[in-house]
Amino acid sequence: MLSAVAVIGEDNTGKMLTVYNKGIGGQNSRQGRNRFERNVLNLKPDFVFIYFGLNDTLNEPQFISEKAYVENLEWMVDQARSAGIKPVVSTIHPIGEEALLKRHKKESYGTEGPNGKIDRYNKALRKLIADKQVKVADFQAVVAKKKELVCPDGVHLTSSGYKALAECFYKTVADEIKPDSTIVCLGDSVTWGARVKGSGTTTGETYPSWLNKK
C-alpha cells in the first residue's frame, strides 16, 4: 500500500492548514483501530475525520458485526478525546447495488441487501453518535440526494463526490477550525482516494486534497 502523505496548504489569511491522508484501501474499522495510535495520536492533530464502514459491511473477507463496528468507532472517539483531539465521524453512504453485485455474491448480504445492511449499521452508528454527542458528517444523507456522486463501480466516489465528502466533514466543525489547524483523515479507500488523481495524498482530487484547499 502507498503510505499516507502529509501536505501543507496555505489559506487566504496566509496561515497554514495541515491535512494528513491516512486512508488505506480495503481496511475495516478493526484495522483502523489497530493503527489509530500510529496514524492519529502520534501526530497530535486538532481534529480526526473518521470514515469506516464500507468494508465492514460490503467486503466479505472484511465483514465485521454491527456490534464490533460500533465498538471500534466508540473506541476511536474515546481515544481521540482523551488525547485532546476532536473527532468527527461520517455515516456510511449508500452504494449502487447493481454494480456491486457484479463483484460480490448477493447472498452475502442476506435478505436486507447491501444498502439494507448499510442502513442497519448507520442506525447503530447514529445511536452511538447521539449517546456520545459526537460531531457527525452525514454523508449518507448527501449521497441519498445526489447518487451521481458515486462512481460507476457503485462504491467509490467521483471527483465531485470526494469534494462533497470534504464539504460534509468541513462544515460540521467549520466554526472551530483555525487557519493553522491540523486534520487527520482516517479511513479506507474512500479516504485514500480510489479512482481519482492523487490517490493516497492530499493533492489532486481526494477528499483530503479538497480539505487542503480550504
N, C-alpha and C. Protein backbone atom coordinates (compact mmCIF):
# COMPACT_ATOMS: atom_id res chain seq x y z
N MET A 1 0.83 -1.19 0.00
CA MET A 1 0.00 0.00 0.00
C MET A 1 0.87 1.25 0.00
N LEU A 2 0.39 2.32 -0.66
CA LEU A 2 1.09 3.58 -0.57
C LEU A 2 0.93 4.16 0.82
N SER A 3 1.98 4.73 1.33
CA SER A 3 1.89 5.36 2.64
C SER A 3 1.18 6.70 2.51
N ALA A 4 0.52 7.11 3.59
CA ALA A 4 -0.16 8.38 3.57
C ALA A 4 0.86 9.51 3.52
N VAL A 5 0.48 10.59 2.88
CA VAL A 5 1.38 11.70 2.70
C VAL A 5 0.78 12.95 3.34
N ALA A 6 1.57 13.70 4.06
CA ALA A 6 1.13 14.96 4.64
C ALA A 6 1.54 16.11 3.74
N VAL A 7 0.60 16.94 3.40
CA VAL A 7 0.88 18.12 2.59
C VAL A 7 0.30 19.33 3.30
N ILE A 8 1.02 20.42 3.29
CA ILE A 8 0.56 21.62 3.97
C ILE A 8 0.09 22.63 2.94
N GLY A 9 -1.09 23.19 3.18
CA GLY A 9 -1.65 24.18 2.27
C GLY A 9 -1.85 25.51 2.97
N GLU A 10 -1.81 26.58 2.20
CA GLU A 10 -1.96 27.92 2.76
C GLU A 10 -3.37 28.42 2.49
N ASP A 11 -4.02 28.97 3.52
CA ASP A 11 -5.35 29.52 3.31
C ASP A 11 -5.24 31.00 2.96
N ASN A 12 -6.41 31.67 2.80
CA ASN A 12 -6.36 33.05 2.33
C ASN A 12 -5.91 34.05 3.39
N THR A 13 -5.62 33.60 4.59
CA THR A 13 -5.09 34.50 5.61
C THR A 13 -3.57 34.43 5.65
N GLY A 14 -2.99 33.49 4.90
CA GLY A 14 -1.56 33.32 4.91
C GLY A 14 -1.08 32.33 5.94
N LYS A 15 -1.99 31.83 6.79
CA LYS A 15 -1.62 30.82 7.77
C LYS A 15 -1.77 29.44 7.16
N MET A 16 -1.28 28.43 7.85
CA MET A 16 -1.17 27.11 7.27
C MET A 16 -2.14 26.11 7.87
N LEU A 17 -2.86 25.41 7.02
CA LEU A 17 -3.73 24.32 7.42
C LEU A 17 -3.03 23.02 7.02
N THR A 18 -2.86 22.10 7.97
CA THR A 18 -2.17 20.84 7.70
C THR A 18 -3.18 19.70 7.64
N VAL A 19 -3.15 18.94 6.56
CA VAL A 19 -4.06 17.82 6.36
C VAL A 19 -3.26 16.56 6.07
N TYR A 20 -3.58 15.47 6.77
CA TYR A 20 -2.93 14.19 6.55
C TYR A 20 -3.93 13.20 5.94
N ASN A 21 -3.52 12.53 4.89
CA ASN A 21 -4.34 11.46 4.31
C ASN A 21 -3.87 10.12 4.89
N LYS A 22 -4.67 9.57 5.78
CA LYS A 22 -4.36 8.28 6.40
C LYS A 22 -5.42 7.24 6.02
N GLY A 23 -5.68 7.18 4.73
CA GLY A 23 -6.58 6.16 4.21
C GLY A 23 -5.81 4.99 3.66
N ILE A 24 -6.30 3.79 3.89
CA ILE A 24 -5.70 2.58 3.32
C ILE A 24 -6.83 1.74 2.72
N GLY A 25 -6.74 1.46 1.44
CA GLY A 25 -7.78 0.71 0.75
C GLY A 25 -8.01 -0.67 1.32
N GLY A 26 -9.27 -1.08 1.38
CA GLY A 26 -9.63 -2.43 1.80
C GLY A 26 -9.72 -2.65 3.29
N GLN A 27 -9.48 -1.60 4.08
CA GLN A 27 -9.46 -1.80 5.53
C GLN A 27 -10.83 -1.62 6.16
N ASN A 28 -11.02 -2.34 7.26
CA ASN A 28 -12.24 -2.17 8.06
C ASN A 28 -11.90 -1.39 9.33
N SER A 29 -12.92 -1.20 10.18
CA SER A 29 -12.72 -0.39 11.37
C SER A 29 -11.78 -1.04 12.39
N ARG A 30 -11.70 -2.36 12.40
CA ARG A 30 -10.75 -3.03 13.31
C ARG A 30 -9.32 -2.68 12.93
N GLN A 31 -9.02 -2.69 11.65
CA GLN A 31 -7.68 -2.34 11.19
C GLN A 31 -7.38 -0.86 11.42
N GLY A 32 -8.41 -0.04 11.27
CA GLY A 32 -8.24 1.37 11.58
C GLY A 32 -7.93 1.59 13.05
N ARG A 33 -8.62 0.83 13.88
CA ARG A 33 -8.36 0.90 15.33
C ARG A 33 -6.93 0.48 15.64
N ASN A 34 -6.45 -0.55 14.98
CA ASN A 34 -5.10 -1.06 15.24
C ASN A 34 -4.01 -0.07 14.90
N ARG A 35 -4.27 0.84 13.97
CA ARG A 35 -3.25 1.82 13.60
C ARG A 35 -3.59 3.23 14.10
N PHE A 36 -4.56 3.33 14.97
CA PHE A 36 -5.01 4.64 15.45
C PHE A 36 -3.90 5.39 16.18
N GLU A 37 -3.16 4.68 17.00
CA GLU A 37 -2.09 5.36 17.74
C GLU A 37 -1.04 5.91 16.78
N ARG A 38 -0.63 5.08 15.84
CA ARG A 38 0.42 5.47 14.89
C ARG A 38 -0.04 6.57 13.95
N ASN A 39 -1.24 6.43 13.42
CA ASN A 39 -1.70 7.33 12.37
C ASN A 39 -2.44 8.57 12.88
N VAL A 40 -2.87 8.54 14.13
CA VAL A 40 -3.62 9.68 14.66
C VAL A 40 -2.96 10.25 15.92
N LEU A 41 -2.89 9.48 16.97
CA LEU A 41 -2.43 10.00 18.25
C LEU A 41 -1.00 10.54 18.18
N ASN A 42 -0.14 9.84 17.46
CA ASN A 42 1.26 10.27 17.37
C ASN A 42 1.43 11.59 16.62
N LEU A 43 0.45 11.93 15.78
CA LEU A 43 0.52 13.17 15.01
C LEU A 43 -0.03 14.37 15.77
N LYS A 44 -0.76 14.09 16.84
CA LYS A 44 -1.32 15.14 17.71
C LYS A 44 -2.10 16.21 16.92
N PRO A 45 -3.06 15.78 16.12
CA PRO A 45 -3.83 16.76 15.35
C PRO A 45 -4.87 17.46 16.23
N ASP A 46 -5.47 18.48 15.67
CA ASP A 46 -6.61 19.14 16.34
C ASP A 46 -7.89 18.36 16.10
N PHE A 47 -8.00 17.76 14.91
CA PHE A 47 -9.21 17.03 14.52
C PHE A 47 -8.83 15.70 13.88
N VAL A 48 -9.69 14.70 14.06
CA VAL A 48 -9.59 13.48 13.27
C VAL A 48 -10.95 13.25 12.61
N PHE A 49 -10.93 13.14 11.29
CA PHE A 49 -12.13 12.86 10.50
C PHE A 49 -12.13 11.36 10.20
N ILE A 50 -13.14 10.65 10.69
CA ILE A 50 -13.17 9.19 10.64
C ILE A 50 -14.27 8.70 9.70
N TYR A 51 -13.89 7.88 8.71
CA TYR A 51 -14.89 7.24 7.85
C TYR A 51 -14.50 5.79 7.60
N PHE A 52 -15.17 4.90 8.33
CA PHE A 52 -15.07 3.46 8.09
C PHE A 52 -16.49 2.90 7.97
N GLY A 53 -16.59 1.76 7.31
CA GLY A 53 -17.88 1.09 7.25
C GLY A 53 -18.16 0.38 5.94
N LEU A 54 -17.56 0.82 4.85
CA LEU A 54 -17.84 0.17 3.57
C LEU A 54 -17.29 -1.24 3.52
N ASN A 55 -16.07 -1.43 4.00
CA ASN A 55 -15.52 -2.78 4.03
C ASN A 55 -16.16 -3.63 5.13
N ASP A 56 -16.46 -3.00 6.26
CA ASP A 56 -17.13 -3.70 7.36
C ASP A 56 -18.45 -4.31 6.91
N THR A 57 -19.13 -3.63 6.00
CA THR A 57 -20.47 -4.07 5.58
C THR A 57 -20.51 -4.78 4.24
N LEU A 58 -19.58 -4.45 3.32
CA LEU A 58 -19.72 -4.91 1.94
C LEU A 58 -18.67 -5.90 1.46
N ASN A 59 -17.49 -5.87 2.04
CA ASN A 59 -16.35 -6.66 1.56
C ASN A 59 -16.24 -7.95 2.37
N GLU A 60 -16.68 -9.06 1.80
CA GLU A 60 -16.82 -10.31 2.56
C GLU A 60 -15.62 -10.68 3.45
N PRO A 61 -14.40 -10.63 2.96
CA PRO A 61 -13.27 -11.00 3.84
C PRO A 61 -13.09 -10.06 5.02
N GLN A 62 -13.68 -8.88 4.93
CA GLN A 62 -13.50 -7.86 5.97
C GLN A 62 -14.77 -7.61 6.79
N PHE A 63 -15.78 -8.46 6.61
CA PHE A 63 -17.02 -8.29 7.36
C PHE A 63 -16.76 -8.22 8.87
N ILE A 64 -17.42 -7.29 9.53
CA ILE A 64 -17.38 -7.14 10.98
C ILE A 64 -18.82 -6.98 11.46
N SER A 65 -19.14 -7.57 12.57
CA SER A 65 -20.50 -7.47 13.09
C SER A 65 -20.85 -6.02 13.40
N GLU A 66 -22.13 -5.73 13.41
CA GLU A 66 -22.60 -4.38 13.76
C GLU A 66 -22.08 -3.97 15.14
N LYS A 67 -22.14 -4.89 16.08
CA LYS A 67 -21.68 -4.60 17.45
C LYS A 67 -20.20 -4.25 17.47
N ALA A 68 -19.38 -5.06 16.78
CA ALA A 68 -17.93 -4.81 16.76
C ALA A 68 -17.62 -3.51 16.04
N TYR A 69 -18.35 -3.21 14.98
CA TYR A 69 -18.15 -1.96 14.24
C TYR A 69 -18.37 -0.76 15.15
N VAL A 70 -19.47 -0.76 15.86
CA VAL A 70 -19.78 0.36 16.75
C VAL A 70 -18.76 0.46 17.88
N GLU A 71 -18.36 -0.69 18.41
CA GLU A 71 -17.35 -0.68 19.48
C GLU A 71 -16.03 -0.08 18.99
N ASN A 72 -15.65 -0.40 17.75
CA ASN A 72 -14.41 0.15 17.21
C ASN A 72 -14.49 1.66 17.06
N LEU A 73 -15.62 2.16 16.55
CA LEU A 73 -15.78 3.60 16.39
C LEU A 73 -15.83 4.30 17.74
N GLU A 74 -16.51 3.69 18.70
CA GLU A 74 -16.57 4.28 20.04
C GLU A 74 -15.18 4.37 20.65
N TRP A 75 -14.39 3.32 20.47
CA TRP A 75 -13.01 3.32 21.00
C TRP A 75 -12.21 4.45 20.37
N MET A 76 -12.33 4.63 19.07
CA MET A 76 -11.59 5.71 18.40
C MET A 76 -12.01 7.07 18.94
N VAL A 77 -13.29 7.27 19.10
CA VAL A 77 -13.79 8.54 19.63
C VAL A 77 -13.23 8.79 21.03
N ASP A 78 -13.27 7.78 21.87
CA ASP A 78 -12.77 7.93 23.24
C ASP A 78 -11.27 8.20 23.27
N GLN A 79 -10.52 7.50 22.44
CA GLN A 79 -9.08 7.70 22.39
C GLN A 79 -8.73 9.11 21.92
N ALA A 80 -9.45 9.56 20.90
CA ALA A 80 -9.21 10.91 20.39
C ALA A 80 -9.47 11.95 21.46
N ARG A 81 -10.61 11.84 22.10
CA ARG A 81 -10.98 12.83 23.12
C ARG A 81 -10.01 12.82 24.29
N SER A 82 -9.56 11.65 24.67
CA SER A 82 -8.61 11.55 25.79
C SER A 82 -7.30 12.26 25.46
N ALA A 83 -6.98 12.34 24.17
CA ALA A 83 -5.75 13.00 23.73
C ALA A 83 -5.98 14.46 23.35
N GLY A 84 -7.19 14.95 23.57
CA GLY A 84 -7.48 16.35 23.25
C GLY A 84 -7.73 16.59 21.77
N ILE A 85 -8.08 15.53 21.04
CA ILE A 85 -8.36 15.61 19.61
C ILE A 85 -9.87 15.58 19.40
N LYS A 86 -10.39 16.42 18.54
CA LYS A 86 -11.83 16.47 18.29
C LYS A 86 -12.20 15.49 17.16
N PRO A 87 -13.02 14.47 17.46
CA PRO A 87 -13.39 13.52 16.42
C PRO A 87 -14.64 13.96 15.66
N VAL A 88 -14.65 13.68 14.38
CA VAL A 88 -15.84 13.84 13.55
C VAL A 88 -16.03 12.51 12.81
N VAL A 89 -17.22 11.94 12.90
CA VAL A 89 -17.49 10.63 12.33
C VAL A 89 -18.48 10.76 11.17
N SER A 90 -18.19 10.08 10.06
CA SER A 90 -19.09 10.08 8.91
C SER A 90 -20.00 8.87 8.93
N THR A 91 -21.25 9.09 8.52
CA THR A 91 -22.14 7.97 8.24
C THR A 91 -21.69 7.31 6.93
N ILE A 92 -22.13 6.08 6.71
CA ILE A 92 -21.75 5.30 5.53
C ILE A 92 -22.69 5.66 4.38
N HIS A 93 -22.14 5.97 3.21
CA HIS A 93 -23.00 6.38 2.11
C HIS A 93 -23.64 5.18 1.40
N PRO A 94 -24.84 5.37 0.84
CA PRO A 94 -25.49 4.31 0.07
C PRO A 94 -24.70 4.03 -1.21
N ILE A 95 -24.80 2.80 -1.69
CA ILE A 95 -24.00 2.40 -2.85
C ILE A 95 -24.89 1.92 -3.99
N GLY A 96 -24.29 1.75 -5.16
CA GLY A 96 -25.01 1.23 -6.31
C GLY A 96 -25.00 -0.30 -6.28
N GLU A 97 -26.11 -0.88 -5.91
CA GLU A 97 -26.14 -2.33 -5.69
C GLU A 97 -25.89 -3.13 -6.95
N GLU A 98 -26.44 -2.69 -8.07
CA GLU A 98 -26.28 -3.45 -9.32
C GLU A 98 -24.81 -3.61 -9.67
N ALA A 99 -24.07 -2.53 -9.57
CA ALA A 99 -22.63 -2.58 -9.87
C ALA A 99 -21.89 -3.43 -8.84
N LEU A 100 -22.21 -3.25 -7.57
CA LEU A 100 -21.53 -4.02 -6.51
C LEU A 100 -21.72 -5.51 -6.71
N LEU A 101 -22.94 -5.92 -7.05
CA LEU A 101 -23.26 -7.34 -7.14
C LEU A 101 -22.69 -8.02 -8.38
N LYS A 102 -22.01 -7.28 -9.21
CA LYS A 102 -21.24 -7.89 -10.30
C LYS A 102 -19.93 -8.45 -9.78
N ARG A 103 -19.52 -7.99 -8.56
CA ARG A 103 -18.25 -8.41 -7.97
C ARG A 103 -18.43 -9.20 -6.68
N HIS A 104 -19.58 -9.10 -6.07
CA HIS A 104 -19.84 -9.77 -4.80
C HIS A 104 -21.11 -10.61 -4.89
N LYS A 105 -21.19 -11.60 -4.03
CA LYS A 105 -22.34 -12.51 -4.04
C LYS A 105 -23.55 -11.90 -3.35
N LYS A 106 -24.68 -11.96 -4.00
CA LYS A 106 -25.91 -11.39 -3.45
C LYS A 106 -26.26 -12.00 -2.11
N GLU A 107 -26.02 -13.30 -1.97
CA GLU A 107 -26.38 -13.99 -0.73
C GLU A 107 -25.52 -13.55 0.46
N SER A 108 -24.41 -12.88 0.20
CA SER A 108 -23.56 -12.41 1.29
C SER A 108 -24.27 -11.38 2.17
N TYR A 109 -25.32 -10.77 1.61
CA TYR A 109 -25.98 -9.67 2.32
C TYR A 109 -27.38 -10.05 2.84
N GLY A 110 -27.69 -11.33 2.72
CA GLY A 110 -28.95 -11.80 3.26
C GLY A 110 -30.15 -11.14 2.61
N THR A 111 -31.26 -11.16 3.31
CA THR A 111 -32.49 -10.60 2.75
C THR A 111 -32.50 -9.07 2.77
N GLU A 112 -31.66 -8.46 3.61
CA GLU A 112 -31.65 -7.00 3.71
C GLU A 112 -30.94 -6.32 2.54
N GLY A 113 -30.04 -7.05 1.86
CA GLY A 113 -29.30 -6.47 0.75
C GLY A 113 -28.21 -5.53 1.22
N PRO A 114 -27.31 -5.13 0.30
CA PRO A 114 -26.19 -4.28 0.69
C PRO A 114 -26.60 -2.96 1.33
N ASN A 115 -27.53 -2.25 0.71
CA ASN A 115 -27.93 -0.97 1.28
C ASN A 115 -28.75 -1.13 2.56
N GLY A 116 -29.47 -2.23 2.65
CA GLY A 116 -30.19 -2.51 3.89
C GLY A 116 -29.21 -2.73 5.03
N LYS A 117 -28.12 -3.42 4.74
CA LYS A 117 -27.10 -3.65 5.76
C LYS A 117 -26.43 -2.33 6.15
N ILE A 118 -26.13 -1.50 5.16
CA ILE A 118 -25.56 -0.18 5.45
C ILE A 118 -26.51 0.63 6.32
N ASP A 119 -27.79 0.59 6.01
CA ASP A 119 -28.78 1.32 6.81
C ASP A 119 -28.77 0.85 8.27
N ARG A 120 -28.65 -0.45 8.46
CA ARG A 120 -28.66 -1.02 9.82
C ARG A 120 -27.43 -0.56 10.59
N TYR A 121 -26.29 -0.59 9.95
CA TYR A 121 -25.06 -0.14 10.63
C TYR A 121 -25.12 1.37 10.90
N ASN A 122 -25.67 2.12 9.95
CA ASN A 122 -25.81 3.55 10.17
C ASN A 122 -26.74 3.87 11.34
N LYS A 123 -27.78 3.09 11.48
CA LYS A 123 -28.71 3.30 12.60
C LYS A 123 -27.97 3.11 13.93
N ALA A 124 -27.16 2.06 14.01
CA ALA A 124 -26.38 1.81 15.23
C ALA A 124 -25.33 2.90 15.43
N LEU A 125 -24.73 3.36 14.33
CA LEU A 125 -23.73 4.42 14.40
C LEU A 125 -24.37 5.72 14.88
N ARG A 126 -25.55 6.02 14.39
CA ARG A 126 -26.25 7.25 14.81
C ARG A 126 -26.57 7.22 16.29
N LYS A 127 -26.91 6.05 16.81
CA LYS A 127 -27.18 5.94 18.24
C LYS A 127 -25.91 6.25 19.04
N LEU A 128 -24.78 5.69 18.58
CA LEU A 128 -23.50 5.97 19.23
C LEU A 128 -23.21 7.47 19.19
N ILE A 129 -23.39 8.07 18.03
CA ILE A 129 -23.12 9.49 17.85
C ILE A 129 -23.97 10.33 18.80
N ALA A 130 -25.24 9.95 18.93
CA ALA A 130 -26.13 10.69 19.83
C ALA A 130 -25.74 10.48 21.28
N ASP A 131 -25.44 9.24 21.64
CA ASP A 131 -25.09 8.92 23.03
C ASP A 131 -23.80 9.62 23.46
N LYS A 132 -22.83 9.66 22.54
CA LYS A 132 -21.51 10.24 22.87
C LYS A 132 -21.43 11.72 22.50
N GLN A 133 -22.49 12.23 21.89
CA GLN A 133 -22.52 13.63 21.44
C GLN A 133 -21.31 13.95 20.56
N VAL A 134 -21.16 13.12 19.54
CA VAL A 134 -20.06 13.25 18.58
C VAL A 134 -20.53 14.08 17.39
N LYS A 135 -19.66 14.90 16.86
CA LYS A 135 -19.96 15.62 15.63
C LYS A 135 -20.09 14.62 14.49
N VAL A 136 -21.14 14.77 13.67
CA VAL A 136 -21.38 13.81 12.60
C VAL A 136 -21.38 14.49 11.24
N ALA A 137 -20.63 13.91 10.30
CA ALA A 137 -20.69 14.31 8.91
C ALA A 137 -21.66 13.33 8.25
N ASP A 138 -22.88 13.78 7.97
CA ASP A 138 -23.92 12.87 7.50
C ASP A 138 -23.84 12.69 5.99
N PHE A 139 -22.82 11.94 5.57
CA PHE A 139 -22.62 11.73 4.14
C PHE A 139 -23.66 10.79 3.55
N GLN A 140 -24.27 9.96 4.37
CA GLN A 140 -25.37 9.12 3.90
C GLN A 140 -26.47 10.00 3.31
N ALA A 141 -26.82 11.05 4.00
CA ALA A 141 -27.88 11.94 3.54
C ALA A 141 -27.49 12.69 2.27
N VAL A 142 -26.22 13.07 2.16
CA VAL A 142 -25.74 13.79 0.99
C VAL A 142 -25.86 12.93 -0.27
N VAL A 143 -25.37 11.69 -0.18
CA VAL A 143 -25.38 10.80 -1.36
C VAL A 143 -26.79 10.33 -1.69
N ALA A 144 -27.64 10.20 -0.68
CA ALA A 144 -29.03 9.80 -0.92
C ALA A 144 -29.73 10.80 -1.84
N LYS A 145 -29.32 12.07 -1.77
CA LYS A 145 -29.92 13.11 -2.60
C LYS A 145 -29.21 13.26 -3.94
N LYS A 146 -27.93 12.83 -3.99
CA LYS A 146 -27.13 13.00 -5.21
C LYS A 146 -26.36 11.72 -5.51
N LYS A 147 -27.04 10.73 -6.03
CA LYS A 147 -26.42 9.43 -6.27
C LYS A 147 -25.33 9.49 -7.33
N GLU A 148 -25.32 10.55 -8.12
CA GLU A 148 -24.28 10.70 -9.15
C GLU A 148 -22.91 10.97 -8.54
N LEU A 149 -22.84 11.17 -7.24
CA LEU A 149 -21.55 11.36 -6.56
C LEU A 149 -20.77 10.05 -6.46
N VAL A 150 -21.46 8.93 -6.67
CA VAL A 150 -20.82 7.61 -6.63
C VAL A 150 -20.39 7.22 -8.04
N CYS A 151 -19.18 6.69 -8.17
CA CYS A 151 -18.65 6.34 -9.49
C CYS A 151 -19.27 5.05 -10.01
N PRO A 152 -19.02 4.68 -11.26
CA PRO A 152 -19.67 3.51 -11.87
C PRO A 152 -19.44 2.18 -11.17
N ASP A 153 -18.40 2.06 -10.32
CA ASP A 153 -18.21 0.79 -9.62
C ASP A 153 -19.22 0.61 -8.48
N GLY A 154 -20.01 1.65 -8.23
CA GLY A 154 -21.09 1.55 -7.25
C GLY A 154 -20.69 1.86 -5.82
N VAL A 155 -19.41 1.98 -5.53
CA VAL A 155 -18.94 2.14 -4.15
C VAL A 155 -18.10 3.40 -3.96
N HIS A 156 -17.08 3.56 -4.78
CA HIS A 156 -16.18 4.70 -4.61
C HIS A 156 -16.82 5.97 -5.18
N LEU A 157 -16.14 7.08 -5.04
CA LEU A 157 -16.73 8.36 -5.40
C LEU A 157 -16.09 8.96 -6.64
N THR A 158 -16.84 9.83 -7.29
CA THR A 158 -16.29 10.65 -8.36
C THR A 158 -15.51 11.80 -7.73
N SER A 159 -14.83 12.58 -8.55
CA SER A 159 -14.13 13.75 -8.03
C SER A 159 -15.11 14.66 -7.30
N SER A 160 -16.28 14.85 -7.87
CA SER A 160 -17.31 15.68 -7.23
C SER A 160 -17.78 15.05 -5.92
N GLY A 161 -17.80 13.73 -5.89
CA GLY A 161 -18.18 13.02 -4.67
C GLY A 161 -17.18 13.22 -3.55
N TYR A 162 -15.90 13.16 -3.89
CA TYR A 162 -14.86 13.40 -2.88
C TYR A 162 -14.92 14.85 -2.39
N LYS A 163 -15.20 15.77 -3.30
CA LYS A 163 -15.33 17.17 -2.89
C LYS A 163 -16.53 17.33 -1.95
N ALA A 164 -17.61 16.64 -2.24
CA ALA A 164 -18.79 16.71 -1.38
C ALA A 164 -18.52 16.12 0.00
N LEU A 165 -17.72 15.05 0.05
CA LEU A 165 -17.37 14.46 1.34
C LEU A 165 -16.52 15.44 2.15
N ALA A 166 -15.57 16.10 1.49
CA ALA A 166 -14.75 17.10 2.18
C ALA A 166 -15.64 18.21 2.74
N GLU A 167 -16.60 18.67 1.95
CA GLU A 167 -17.51 19.73 2.39
C GLU A 167 -18.35 19.25 3.58
N CYS A 168 -18.79 18.00 3.51
CA CYS A 168 -19.62 17.43 4.56
C CYS A 168 -18.87 17.39 5.89
N PHE A 169 -17.63 16.94 5.84
CA PHE A 169 -16.79 16.94 7.05
C PHE A 169 -16.53 18.36 7.53
N TYR A 170 -16.10 19.21 6.61
CA TYR A 170 -15.63 20.54 6.99
C TYR A 170 -16.74 21.37 7.64
N LYS A 171 -17.92 21.32 7.07
CA LYS A 171 -18.99 22.19 7.57
C LYS A 171 -19.44 21.83 8.99
N THR A 172 -19.18 20.58 9.41
CA THR A 172 -19.60 20.18 10.76
C THR A 172 -18.78 20.87 11.84
N VAL A 173 -17.56 21.29 11.51
CA VAL A 173 -16.70 21.93 12.51
C VAL A 173 -16.06 23.21 11.96
N ALA A 174 -16.66 23.78 10.92
CA ALA A 174 -16.07 24.95 10.28
C ALA A 174 -15.84 26.10 11.26
N ASP A 175 -16.74 26.25 12.22
CA ASP A 175 -16.60 27.36 13.16
C ASP A 175 -15.52 27.09 14.21
N GLU A 176 -15.00 25.86 14.25
CA GLU A 176 -13.96 25.51 15.22
C GLU A 176 -12.57 25.41 14.60
N ILE A 177 -12.52 25.29 13.27
CA ILE A 177 -11.25 25.12 12.59
C ILE A 177 -10.52 26.45 12.46
N LYS A 178 -9.30 26.49 12.95
CA LYS A 178 -8.47 27.68 12.83
C LYS A 178 -7.54 27.53 11.62
N PRO A 179 -7.05 28.63 11.07
CA PRO A 179 -6.20 28.55 9.87
C PRO A 179 -4.97 27.66 10.04
N ASP A 180 -4.48 27.53 11.28
CA ASP A 180 -3.29 26.70 11.49
C ASP A 180 -3.62 25.33 12.09
N SER A 181 -4.88 24.90 11.94
CA SER A 181 -5.29 23.60 12.48
C SER A 181 -4.66 22.45 11.72
N THR A 182 -4.59 21.30 12.40
CA THR A 182 -4.14 20.05 11.79
C THR A 182 -5.28 19.05 11.79
N ILE A 183 -5.51 18.42 10.65
CA ILE A 183 -6.59 17.45 10.49
C ILE A 183 -6.01 16.14 9.98
N VAL A 184 -6.33 15.04 10.67
CA VAL A 184 -6.00 13.71 10.17
C VAL A 184 -7.27 13.09 9.60
N CYS A 185 -7.21 12.63 8.36
CA CYS A 185 -8.32 11.94 7.72
C CYS A 185 -8.02 10.44 7.78
N LEU A 186 -8.80 9.71 8.56
CA LEU A 186 -8.55 8.28 8.78
C LEU A 186 -9.66 7.46 8.14
N GLY A 187 -9.28 6.45 7.36
CA GLY A 187 -10.32 5.63 6.75
C GLY A 187 -9.76 4.61 5.78
N ASP A 188 -10.63 4.20 4.84
CA ASP A 188 -10.28 3.16 3.87
C ASP A 188 -10.01 3.80 2.51
N SER A 189 -10.43 3.14 1.43
CA SER A 189 -10.12 3.63 0.09
C SER A 189 -10.85 4.92 -0.26
N VAL A 190 -11.95 5.22 0.42
CA VAL A 190 -12.64 6.48 0.17
C VAL A 190 -11.80 7.65 0.69
N THR A 191 -11.13 7.44 1.80
CA THR A 191 -10.20 8.46 2.30
C THR A 191 -8.93 8.48 1.45
N TRP A 192 -8.45 7.30 1.10
CA TRP A 192 -7.24 7.19 0.26
C TRP A 192 -7.44 7.88 -1.08
N GLY A 193 -8.67 7.78 -1.63
CA GLY A 193 -8.99 8.43 -2.89
C GLY A 193 -8.94 7.54 -4.09
N ALA A 194 -9.60 6.39 -3.99
CA ALA A 194 -9.61 5.44 -5.10
C ALA A 194 -10.24 6.04 -6.35
N ARG A 195 -9.59 5.80 -7.48
CA ARG A 195 -10.10 6.12 -8.81
C ARG A 195 -10.06 7.60 -9.18
N VAL A 196 -9.31 8.40 -8.40
CA VAL A 196 -9.12 9.79 -8.80
C VAL A 196 -7.65 10.17 -8.70
N LYS A 197 -7.30 11.33 -9.22
CA LYS A 197 -5.92 11.80 -9.20
C LYS A 197 -5.46 12.06 -7.76
N GLY A 198 -4.21 11.71 -7.49
CA GLY A 198 -3.63 12.00 -6.19
C GLY A 198 -3.93 10.98 -5.12
N SER A 199 -4.36 9.78 -5.50
CA SER A 199 -4.70 8.75 -4.52
C SER A 199 -3.61 8.58 -3.48
N GLY A 200 -4.00 8.55 -2.21
CA GLY A 200 -3.06 8.37 -1.13
C GLY A 200 -2.37 9.63 -0.65
N THR A 201 -2.74 10.79 -1.25
CA THR A 201 -2.09 12.05 -0.90
C THR A 201 -3.13 13.12 -0.58
N THR A 202 -2.64 14.33 -0.35
CA THR A 202 -3.55 15.47 -0.19
C THR A 202 -3.38 16.42 -1.37
N THR A 203 -3.11 15.84 -2.53
CA THR A 203 -3.09 16.62 -3.77
C THR A 203 -4.06 15.95 -4.73
N GLY A 204 -4.42 16.64 -5.78
CA GLY A 204 -5.33 16.03 -6.75
C GLY A 204 -6.78 16.16 -6.35
N GLU A 205 -7.52 15.03 -6.39
CA GLU A 205 -8.97 15.06 -6.22
C GLU A 205 -9.47 14.20 -5.06
N THR A 206 -8.59 13.81 -4.17
CA THR A 206 -9.02 13.06 -2.99
C THR A 206 -9.77 13.99 -2.04
N TYR A 207 -10.53 13.41 -1.09
CA TYR A 207 -11.23 14.31 -0.18
C TYR A 207 -10.27 15.05 0.75
N PRO A 208 -9.15 14.45 1.22
CA PRO A 208 -8.18 15.24 1.97
C PRO A 208 -7.59 16.38 1.13
N SER A 209 -7.49 16.17 -0.19
CA SER A 209 -6.99 17.23 -1.05
C SER A 209 -7.96 18.41 -1.09
N TRP A 210 -9.24 18.12 -1.22
CA TRP A 210 -10.24 19.20 -1.21
C TRP A 210 -10.23 19.94 0.11
N LEU A 211 -10.03 19.23 1.19
CA LEU A 211 -9.89 19.89 2.50
C LEU A 211 -8.68 20.82 2.50
N ASN A 212 -7.61 20.33 1.91
CA ASN A 212 -6.36 21.07 1.91
C ASN A 212 -6.47 22.38 1.12
N LYS A 213 -7.50 22.48 0.29
CA LYS A 213 -7.70 23.70 -0.50
C LYS A 213 -8.60 24.71 0.21
N LYS A 214 -9.06 24.36 1.40
CA LYS A 214 -9.93 25.26 2.16
C LYS A 214 -9.20 26.53 2.55
